[in-house]
Amino acid sequence: MKVSHETPFAYLEQSLSFNDYDYLLPHLYDKHEEYKEFFQRENKQYRRYIVMDNSLHELGVPYSKGRMISIIEEIKPDEFIVPDAWEDAITSMRQAKEWSFIELPKGVEKVAVVQGKSFSDVVKCYQTYKWLGYTKIAFSYGASYYNDICKHPNKDWGKAIGRLSVICDMIDMGLIGITDRIHLLGCSLPQEFVYYKDIKQIESIDTSNPIMAAFDGNQYDPNFGLNSKPKTKIDEVINAPFDSKILDKITHNTTYFKLLNQINVT
């Protein structure tokens, strides 16, 4: 599993050491010149692997279609997460179909996100995306129906276990094949991913959890992780000045994120 953590500007250089790939949010690319320059420079100098999001989670709606296409043509990310609609299976499938016909630069893979209010919605989304030709599909972390599937008194644990249950059930039912490729968007609790260790279909993860926990003043418990999702959002700290104490917490959390989840650890 490859991992990336969205990071404020002051720590972008350090992110090169703890991120396996770079995760681009288009609304930040347009809003902050420093962010744009980082991706343009990394793209030209090192050609690191780039996944471009559509900023739904941050904005509530996907970023401008025309502008996203322009950024894709400029950066040529390796993957692009096509626009979806929060917990709305019908709109998400409609948008995935629309984007399946939009021509992007060679080498840019389109990734669709399953959405819905129930397990059956997700199954319909997943099957539709495969029929449309998507070869990599993402599951978000925060869907409300996860708490219907796992009625844990801690809602964050419920979401973590709920997503795991959905994916495991879909594998057991043969809906997710052995050669399918899955991306996990975000997380409620960082220790969730250890349970995906033997699920080979999980190819990549993105989450700002260890970074936002550091800005909350929290360090992961080396044996446990966290018991609740961080409160801070990436847009709230994107321009935060460099602070060596926060960097120490970021280093601790990103290190233990991989250790807790047994990711790329020999």
Protein backbone atom coordinates (compact mmCIF):
# COMPACT_ATOMS: atom_id res chain seq x y z
CA MET A 1 0.00 0.00 0.00
CA LYS A 2 1.29 3.44 -0.96
CA VAL A 3 0.49 6.29 1.47
CA SER A 4 0.23 10.08 1.16
CA HIS A 5 -0.63 12.67 3.80
CA GLU A 6 -1.88 16.14 2.79
CA THR A 7 0.52 18.67 4.30
CA PRO A 8 0.60 22.46 4.96
CA PHE A 9 3.01 24.55 2.89
CA ALA A 10 5.67 24.97 5.59
CA TYR A 11 6.19 21.21 5.72
CA LEU A 12 5.97 20.29 2.03
CA GLU A 13 9.71 19.69 1.77
CA GLN A 14 9.59 17.30 4.72
CA SER A 15 6.63 15.52 3.13
CA LEU A 16 8.95 14.23 0.40
CA SER A 17 10.46 11.89 2.98
CA PHE A 18 7.28 10.51 4.55
CA ASN A 19 4.91 10.48 1.55
CA ASP A 20 5.11 7.68 -1.01
CA TYR A 21 3.42 9.94 -3.57
CA ASP A 22 2.03 13.50 -3.74
CA TYR A 23 -1.69 14.28 -3.40
CA LEU A 24 -2.91 17.40 -5.22
CA LEU A 25 -6.03 19.34 -4.19
CA PRO A 26 -7.05 21.56 -7.15
CA HIS A 27 -8.65 24.35 -5.07
CA LEU A 28 -5.35 24.81 -3.20
CA TYR A 29 -3.41 24.70 -6.47
CA ASP A 30 -5.33 27.73 -7.73
CA LYS A 31 -5.51 29.57 -4.42
CA HIS A 32 -1.89 29.40 -3.28
CA GLU A 33 1.10 30.12 -5.53
CA GLU A 34 3.47 28.27 -3.17
CA TYR A 35 1.43 25.10 -3.50
CA LYS A 36 1.32 25.40 -7.29
CA GLU A 37 5.07 25.96 -7.47
CA PHE A 38 5.72 22.87 -5.35
CA PHE A 39 3.80 20.61 -7.72
CA GLN A 40 5.22 22.22 -10.83
CA ARG A 41 8.76 21.86 -9.47
CA GLU A 42 8.32 18.29 -8.26
CA ASN A 43 6.77 17.37 -11.57
CA LYS A 44 9.70 18.76 -13.55
CA GLN A 45 12.62 17.82 -11.29
CA TYR A 46 11.71 14.47 -9.77
CA ARG A 47 8.54 13.31 -11.54
CA ARG A 48 7.06 11.90 -8.37
CA TYR A 49 3.80 9.99 -8.61
CA ILE A 50 0.86 12.41 -8.32
CA VAL A 51 -2.79 11.72 -7.50
CA MET A 52 -5.14 14.65 -8.13
CA ASP A 53 -8.36 14.93 -6.13
CA ASN A 54 -11.52 16.87 -7.07
CA SER A 55 -11.73 18.73 -3.68
CA LEU A 56 -15.26 17.51 -2.86
CA HIS A 57 -14.36 16.78 0.76
CA GLU A 58 -12.91 20.25 1.31
CA LEU A 59 -15.46 22.32 -0.67
CA GLY A 60 -18.65 20.28 -0.37
CA VAL A 61 -18.87 20.13 -4.17
CA PRO A 62 -16.25 19.18 -6.79
CA TYR A 63 -13.99 21.92 -8.12
CA SER A 64 -14.68 23.61 -11.47
CA LYS A 65 -14.73 21.06 -14.29
CA GLY A 66 -12.98 23.32 -16.80
CA ARG A 67 -10.32 24.37 -14.35
CA MET A 68 -9.63 20.79 -13.27
CA ILE A 69 -9.11 19.78 -16.90
CA SER A 70 -6.67 22.69 -17.31
CA ILE A 71 -4.69 21.62 -14.22
CA ILE A 72 -4.63 18.01 -15.43
CA GLU A 73 -3.26 19.14 -18.80
CA GLU A 74 -0.62 21.23 -17.01
CA ILE A 75 0.52 18.75 -14.33
CA LYS A 76 -0.42 15.44 -16.00
CA PRO A 77 -1.04 13.58 -12.73
CA ASP A 78 -0.78 9.80 -12.73
CA GLU A 79 -4.31 9.48 -11.32
CA PHE A 80 -7.34 11.76 -11.21
CA ILE A 81 -10.27 11.19 -8.86
CA VAL A 82 -13.28 12.10 -10.98
CA PRO A 83 -16.04 14.25 -9.44
CA ASP A 84 -18.51 12.50 -7.15
CA ALA A 85 -21.37 13.65 -4.91
CA TRP A 86 -21.39 13.01 -1.18
CA GLU A 87 -23.58 10.00 -0.29
CA ASP A 88 -25.39 10.37 -3.64
CA ALA A 89 -25.00 7.23 -5.73
CA ILE A 90 -27.09 8.39 -8.70
CA THR A 91 -25.23 11.69 -9.20
CA SER A 92 -21.86 10.01 -8.64
CA MET A 93 -22.60 7.36 -11.27
CA ARG A 94 -23.86 10.02 -13.68
CA GLN A 95 -20.66 12.06 -13.24
CA ALA A 96 -18.48 8.98 -13.56
CA LYS A 97 -20.19 8.20 -16.86
CA GLU A 98 -19.69 11.78 -18.09
CA TRP A 99 -16.00 11.75 -17.18
CA SER A 100 -15.49 8.34 -18.78
CA PHE A 101 -15.95 10.08 -22.14
CA ILE A 102 -13.71 13.08 -21.39
CA GLU A 103 -10.31 12.74 -22.99
CA LEU A 104 -7.39 13.42 -20.67
CA PRO A 105 -3.65 13.42 -21.41
CA LYS A 106 -2.07 10.02 -22.01
CA GLY A 107 -1.04 8.31 -18.80
CA VAL A 108 -3.67 9.93 -16.55
CA GLU A 109 -5.80 7.20 -14.98
CA LYS A 110 -9.35 8.05 -13.91
CA VAL A 111 -10.46 6.83 -10.47
CA ALA A 112 -14.14 6.79 -9.43
CA VAL A 113 -15.44 7.04 -5.83
CA VAL A 114 -18.33 4.88 -4.61
CA GLN A 115 -21.00 6.88 -2.84
CA GLY A 116 -24.41 6.20 -1.34
CA LYS A 117 -26.57 5.87 1.73
CA SER A 118 -26.54 2.07 1.94
CA PHE A 119 -24.60 -1.06 1.09
CA SER A 120 -26.82 -1.65 -1.96
CA ASP A 121 -26.01 1.87 -3.25
CA VAL A 122 -22.31 1.11 -3.00
CA VAL A 123 -22.70 -2.21 -4.80
CA LYS A 124 -24.55 -0.46 -7.66
CA CYS A 125 -21.84 2.22 -7.84
CA TYR A 126 -19.01 -0.28 -7.86
CA GLN A 127 -20.57 -2.47 -10.54
CA THR A 128 -21.45 0.56 -12.69
CA TYR A 129 -17.91 1.93 -12.48
CA LYS A 130 -16.43 -1.38 -13.57
CA TRP A 131 -18.92 -1.53 -16.46
CA LEU A 132 -17.86 2.00 -17.46
CA GLY A 133 -14.25 0.82 -17.64
CA TYR A 134 -12.80 2.18 -14.39
CA THR A 135 -9.94 -0.05 -13.25
CA LYS A 136 -9.32 1.68 -9.91
CA ILE A 137 -12.13 2.60 -7.51
CA ALA A 138 -12.05 4.53 -4.22
CA PHE A 139 -13.95 4.16 -0.94
CA SER A 140 -14.36 7.26 1.26
CA TYR A 141 -13.94 7.14 5.03
CA GLY A 142 -16.90 9.08 6.41
CA ALA A 143 -20.12 7.71 4.94
CA SER A 144 -23.00 7.69 7.43
CA TYR A 145 -24.11 4.17 6.48
CA TYR A 146 -20.87 2.78 7.95
CA ASN A 147 -22.36 3.53 11.37
CA ASP A 148 -25.46 1.54 10.39
CA ILE A 149 -23.28 -1.42 9.53
CA CYS A 150 -21.17 -1.14 12.70
CA LYS A 151 -23.12 0.28 15.62
CA HIS A 152 -20.06 0.86 17.79
CA PRO A 153 -20.69 3.49 20.52
CA ASN A 154 -17.58 5.33 19.28
CA LYS A 155 -18.74 6.68 15.90
CA ASP A 156 -15.17 6.98 14.61
CA TRP A 157 -14.54 3.31 15.32
CA GLY A 158 -17.90 2.54 13.70
CA LYS A 159 -16.88 4.29 10.48
CA ALA A 160 -13.51 2.53 10.41
CA ILE A 161 -14.97 -0.92 11.00
CA GLY A 162 -17.94 -0.16 8.74
CA ARG A 163 -15.75 0.57 5.72
CA LEU A 164 -13.70 -2.55 6.40
CA SER A 165 -16.87 -4.64 6.63
CA VAL A 166 -18.21 -3.26 3.34
CA ILE A 167 -15.02 -4.08 1.47
CA CYS A 168 -14.68 -7.54 3.04
CA ASP A 169 -18.32 -8.37 2.27
CA MET A 170 -17.90 -7.26 -1.34
CA ILE A 171 -14.81 -9.44 -1.69
CA ASP A 172 -16.64 -12.40 -0.13
CA MET A 173 -19.56 -11.90 -2.54
CA GLY A 174 -17.19 -11.80 -5.52
CA LEU A 175 -18.06 -8.18 -6.31
CA ILE A 176 -14.46 -7.10 -5.73
CA GLY A 177 -12.24 -9.40 -7.77
CA ILE A 178 -8.72 -10.52 -6.93
CA THR A 179 -7.24 -8.24 -9.59
CA ASP A 180 -9.33 -5.18 -8.67
CA ARG A 181 -7.50 -2.06 -7.44
CA ILE A 182 -8.79 0.07 -4.58
CA HIS A 183 -7.90 3.46 -3.13
CA LEU A 184 -8.93 4.42 0.42
CA LEU A 185 -9.86 8.09 0.86
CA GLY A 186 -9.13 9.43 4.34
CA CYS A 187 -9.76 7.77 7.68
CA SER A 188 -11.43 8.31 11.01
CA LEU A 189 -8.76 6.46 12.98
CA PRO A 190 -5.21 5.82 11.78
CA GLN A 191 -5.01 2.22 13.04
CA GLU A 192 -7.82 1.13 10.68
CA PHE A 193 -5.45 0.11 7.90
CA VAL A 194 -3.74 -2.75 9.73
CA TYR A 195 -6.90 -4.75 8.99
CA TYR A 196 -6.32 -4.33 5.25
CA LYS A 197 -2.85 -5.86 5.45
CA ASP A 198 -3.89 -9.11 3.77
CA ILE A 199 -6.29 -7.51 1.28
CA LYS A 200 -4.09 -7.24 -1.80
CA GLN A 201 -6.63 -5.16 -3.72
CA ILE A 202 -5.86 -2.12 -1.52
CA GLU A 203 -3.30 -0.24 -3.60
CA SER A 204 -3.15 3.24 -2.06
CA ILE A 205 -4.26 5.43 0.85
CA ASP A 206 -4.47 9.17 1.35
CA THR A 207 -5.19 10.78 4.69
CA SER A 208 -4.14 13.95 6.50
CA ASN A 209 -4.84 12.25 9.85
CA PRO A 210 -1.27 12.19 11.24
CA ILE A 211 -0.66 15.78 10.16
CA MET A 212 -3.93 17.15 11.55
CA ALA A 213 -3.41 15.21 14.80
CA ALA A 214 -0.06 16.97 15.16
CA PHE A 215 -1.77 20.36 14.76
CA ASP A 216 -4.29 19.28 17.42
CA GLY A 217 -1.27 18.74 19.68
CA ASN A 218 -1.65 14.95 19.67
CA GLN A 219 0.88 12.20 19.12
CA TYR A 220 -0.14 8.68 18.17
CA ASP A 221 0.07 6.09 20.91
CA PRO A 222 2.78 3.73 19.54
CA ASN A 223 0.63 0.67 20.32
CA PHE A 224 -2.84 2.03 19.68
CA GLY A 225 -3.00 5.17 17.52
CA LEU A 226 -5.94 7.44 18.31
CA ASN A 227 -9.40 7.03 19.76
CA SER A 228 -11.02 9.94 17.89
CA LYS A 229 -10.62 11.75 14.59
CA PRO A 230 -8.57 15.00 14.65
CA LYS A 231 -10.64 18.19 14.66
CA THR A 232 -8.32 20.39 12.56
CA LYS A 233 -8.91 20.60 8.77
CA ILE A 234 -6.17 21.04 6.18
CA ASP A 235 -7.58 24.38 4.92
CA GLU A 236 -7.43 25.79 8.46
CA VAL A 237 -3.65 25.30 8.74
CA ILE A 238 -2.50 25.36 5.13
CA ASN A 239 -0.62 28.65 5.70
CA ALA A 240 0.57 27.88 9.25
CA PRO A 241 4.18 28.97 9.91
CA PHE A 242 6.86 26.36 10.45
CA ASP A 243 7.06 25.10 14.02
CA SER A 244 9.75 22.59 14.99
CA LYS A 245 7.58 21.16 17.78
CA ILE A 246 4.77 20.45 15.32
CA LEU A 247 7.29 18.92 12.93
CA ASP A 248 8.42 16.58 15.72
CA LYS A 249 4.80 15.45 16.17
CA ILE A 250 4.34 15.10 12.40
CA THR A 251 7.48 12.96 12.20
CA HIS A 252 6.29 10.83 15.12
CA ASN A 253 2.78 10.39 13.71
CA THR A 254 3.77 9.65 10.11
CA THR A 255 6.35 7.12 11.33
CA TYR A 256 3.89 5.34 13.60
CA PHE A 257 1.15 5.49 10.96
CA LYS A 258 3.18 3.01 8.94
CA LEU A 259 4.37 1.02 11.95
CA LEU A 260 0.87 0.66 13.41
CA ASN A 261 -0.49 -0.49 10.07
CA GLN A 262 2.52 -2.61 9.11
CA ILE A 263 2.88 -0.69 5.86
CA ASN A 264 6.21 -0.98 4.02
CA VAL A 265 7.82 -2.29 7.19
CA THR A 266 10.29 -5.15 6.91
